[in-house]
Amino acid sequence: MKRSKWKGFFIKPKHCKTKNLSSNEISRNSLIVPAHTGKTFTIHNGKSLRNVIVLEDMVGHKFGEFSKTRIAFEYKKKKKKK
């Protein structure tokens, strides 16, 4: 579900105030702002924690987009009979 535009984007207040953001775990629904570029964040994907380095291309997206929660499905290949 999308967040209302009149509310603005979401960033946890504690991540804006701290100087060293690299050691903190950040929520998946937080928006990536230009101040985050070049820093490493820890994101929980439901099973484990994953480190993500923020690049300039990621600005404007959510942190959850870069920590997948599901494994990619592949069909099993059938063996050929001779």
C-alpha atoms as a PDB file:
ATOM      1  CA  MET A   1       0.000   0.000   0.000  1.00  0.00           C
ATOM      2  CA  LYS A   2       1.365   3.401  -0.948  1.00  0.00           C
ATOM      3  CA  ARG A   3       1.933   6.207   1.493  1.00  0.00           C
ATOM      4  CA  SER A   4      -0.158   9.356   0.975  1.00  0.00           C
ATOM      5  CA  LYS A   5       1.672  12.093  -0.913  1.00  0.00           C
ATOM      6  CA  TRP A   6       0.591  14.802   1.528  1.00  0.00           C
ATOM      7  CA  LYS A   7       2.455  12.974   4.316  1.00  0.00           C
ATOM      8  CA  GLY A   8       5.749  13.073   2.408  1.00  0.00           C
ATOM      9  CA  PHE A   9       8.381  10.340   2.293  1.00  0.00           C
ATOM     10  CA  PHE A  10       9.289   8.157   5.283  1.00  0.00           C
ATOM     11  CA  ILE A  11      12.666   8.034   7.015  1.00  0.00           C
ATOM     12  CA  LYS A  12      13.065   6.936  10.621  1.00  0.00           C
ATOM     13  CA  PRO A  13      13.969   9.998  12.710  1.00  0.00           C
ATOM     14  CA  LYS A  14      16.845   8.241  14.502  1.00  0.00           C
ATOM     15  CA  HIS A  15      18.631   7.676  11.157  1.00  0.00           C
ATOM     16  CA  CYS A  16      18.531  11.397  10.348  1.00  0.00           C
ATOM     17  CA  LYS A  17      20.048  12.447  13.685  1.00  0.00           C
ATOM     18  CA  THR A  18      22.958  10.001  13.970  1.00  0.00           C
ATOM     19  CA  LYS A  19      26.266  10.837  12.351  1.00  0.00           C
ATOM     20  CA  ASN A  20      27.466   7.259  11.794  1.00  0.00           C
ATOM     21  CA  LEU A  21      24.670   5.577   9.843  1.00  0.00           C
ATOM     22  CA  SER A  22      26.760   2.638   8.651  1.00  0.00           C
ATOM     23  CA  SER A  23      26.382   0.669  11.901  1.00  0.00           C
ATOM     24  CA  ASN A  24      22.584   0.972  12.140  1.00  0.00           C
ATOM     25  CA  GLU A  25      19.880  -1.313  10.870  1.00  0.00           C
ATOM     26  CA  ILE A  26      17.383   0.655   8.804  1.00  0.00           C
ATOM     27  CA  SER A  27      13.757  -0.194   8.050  1.00  0.00           C
ATOM     28  CA  ARG A  28      12.778  -1.519   4.629  1.00  0.00           C
ATOM     29  CA  ASN A  29      10.146   1.166   4.021  1.00  0.00           C
ATOM     30  CA  SER A  30      12.547   4.099   4.424  1.00  0.00           C
ATOM     31  CA  LEU A  31      13.276   6.189   1.344  1.00  0.00           C
ATOM     32  CA  ILE A  32      16.859   6.542   0.127  1.00  0.00           C
ATOM     33  CA  VAL A  33      17.905  10.208   0.077  1.00  0.00           C
ATOM     34  CA  PRO A  34      21.078  11.732  -1.434  1.00  0.00           C
ATOM     35  CA  ALA A  35      22.698  11.967   2.021  1.00  0.00           C
ATOM     36  CA  HIS A  36      22.794   8.137   2.151  1.00  0.00           C
ATOM     37  CA  THR A  37      24.983   7.669  -0.955  1.00  0.00           C
ATOM     38  CA  GLY A  38      28.251   5.830  -0.386  1.00  0.00           C
ATOM     39  CA  LYS A  39      27.198   4.433   3.003  1.00  0.00           C
ATOM     40  CA  THR A  40      26.485   0.840   4.025  1.00  0.00           C
ATOM     41  CA  PHE A  41      23.190  -0.092   5.686  1.00  0.00           C
ATOM     42  CA  THR A  42      21.990  -3.337   7.247  1.00  0.00           C
ATOM     43  CA  ILE A  43      18.567  -4.467   6.048  1.00  0.00           C
ATOM     44  CA  HIS A  44      16.583  -7.434   7.394  1.00  0.00           C
ATOM     45  CA  ASN A  45      14.968  -9.611   4.721  1.00  0.00           C
ATOM     46  CA  GLY A  46      12.905 -11.757   7.102  1.00  0.00           C
ATOM     47  CA  LYS A  47      15.540 -14.428   7.610  1.00  0.00           C
ATOM     48  CA  SER A  48      18.895 -12.728   7.852  1.00  0.00           C
ATOM     49  CA  LEU A  49      20.567  -9.330   7.795  1.00  0.00           C
ATOM     50  CA  ARG A  50      22.060  -8.111   4.526  1.00  0.00           C
ATOM     51  CA  ASN A  51      24.527  -5.274   4.004  1.00  0.00           C
ATOM     52  CA  VAL A  52      23.658  -2.902   1.164  1.00  0.00           C
ATOM     53  CA  ILE A  53      25.932  -0.161  -0.170  1.00  0.00           C
ATOM     54  CA  VAL A  54      23.889   2.784  -1.443  1.00  0.00           C
ATOM     55  CA  LEU A  55      24.798   4.064  -4.907  1.00  0.00           C
ATOM     56  CA  GLU A  56      23.615   7.211  -6.707  1.00  0.00           C
ATOM     57  CA  ASP A  57      21.219   5.151  -8.874  1.00  0.00           C
ATOM     58  CA  MET A  58      19.319   3.994  -5.770  1.00  0.00           C
ATOM     59  CA  VAL A  59      18.242   7.504  -4.661  1.00  0.00           C
ATOM     60  CA  GLY A  60      14.445   7.804  -4.624  1.00  0.00           C
ATOM     61  CA  HIS A  61      13.825   4.086  -4.091  1.00  0.00           C
ATOM     62  CA  LYS A  62      13.011   2.216  -0.872  1.00  0.00           C
ATOM     63  CA  PHE A  63      15.579   0.119   1.011  1.00  0.00           C
ATOM     64  CA  GLY A  64      13.359  -2.965   0.776  1.00  0.00           C
ATOM     65  CA  GLU A  65      13.765  -3.086  -3.003  1.00  0.00           C
ATOM     66  CA  PHE A  66      17.421  -4.054  -2.620  1.00  0.00           C
ATOM     67  CA  SER A  67      17.002  -6.856  -0.081  1.00  0.00           C
ATOM     68  CA  LYS A  68      14.992  -9.646  -1.682  1.00  0.00           C
ATOM     69  CA  THR A  69      12.724 -11.682   0.597  1.00  0.00           C
ATOM     70  CA  ARG A  70      12.098 -14.599  -1.751  1.00  0.00           C
ATOM     71  CA  ILE A  71      14.316 -16.984  -3.674  1.00  0.00           C
ATOM     72  CA  ALA A  72      14.066 -16.859  -7.467  1.00  0.00           C
ATOM     73  CA  PHE A  73      12.148 -19.880  -8.805  1.00  0.00           C
ATOM     74  CA  GLU A  74      13.654 -22.091 -11.509  1.00  0.00           C
ATOM     75  CA  TYR A  75      11.995 -25.015 -13.247  1.00  0.00           C
ATOM     76  CA  LYS A  76      13.721 -28.359 -12.976  1.00  0.00           C
ATOM     77  CA  LYS A  77      15.161 -29.630 -16.244  1.00  0.00           C
ATOM     78  CA  LYS A  78      13.870 -32.953 -17.470  1.00  0.00           C
ATOM     79  CA  LYS A  79      16.346 -35.681 -18.328  1.00  0.00           C
ATOM     80  CA  LYS A  80      16.328 -36.871 -21.928  1.00  0.00           C
ATOM     81  CA  LYS A  81      15.555 -40.536 -22.484  1.00  0.00           C
ATOM     82  CA  LYS A  82      17.664 -42.499 -24.973  1.00  0.00           C
END
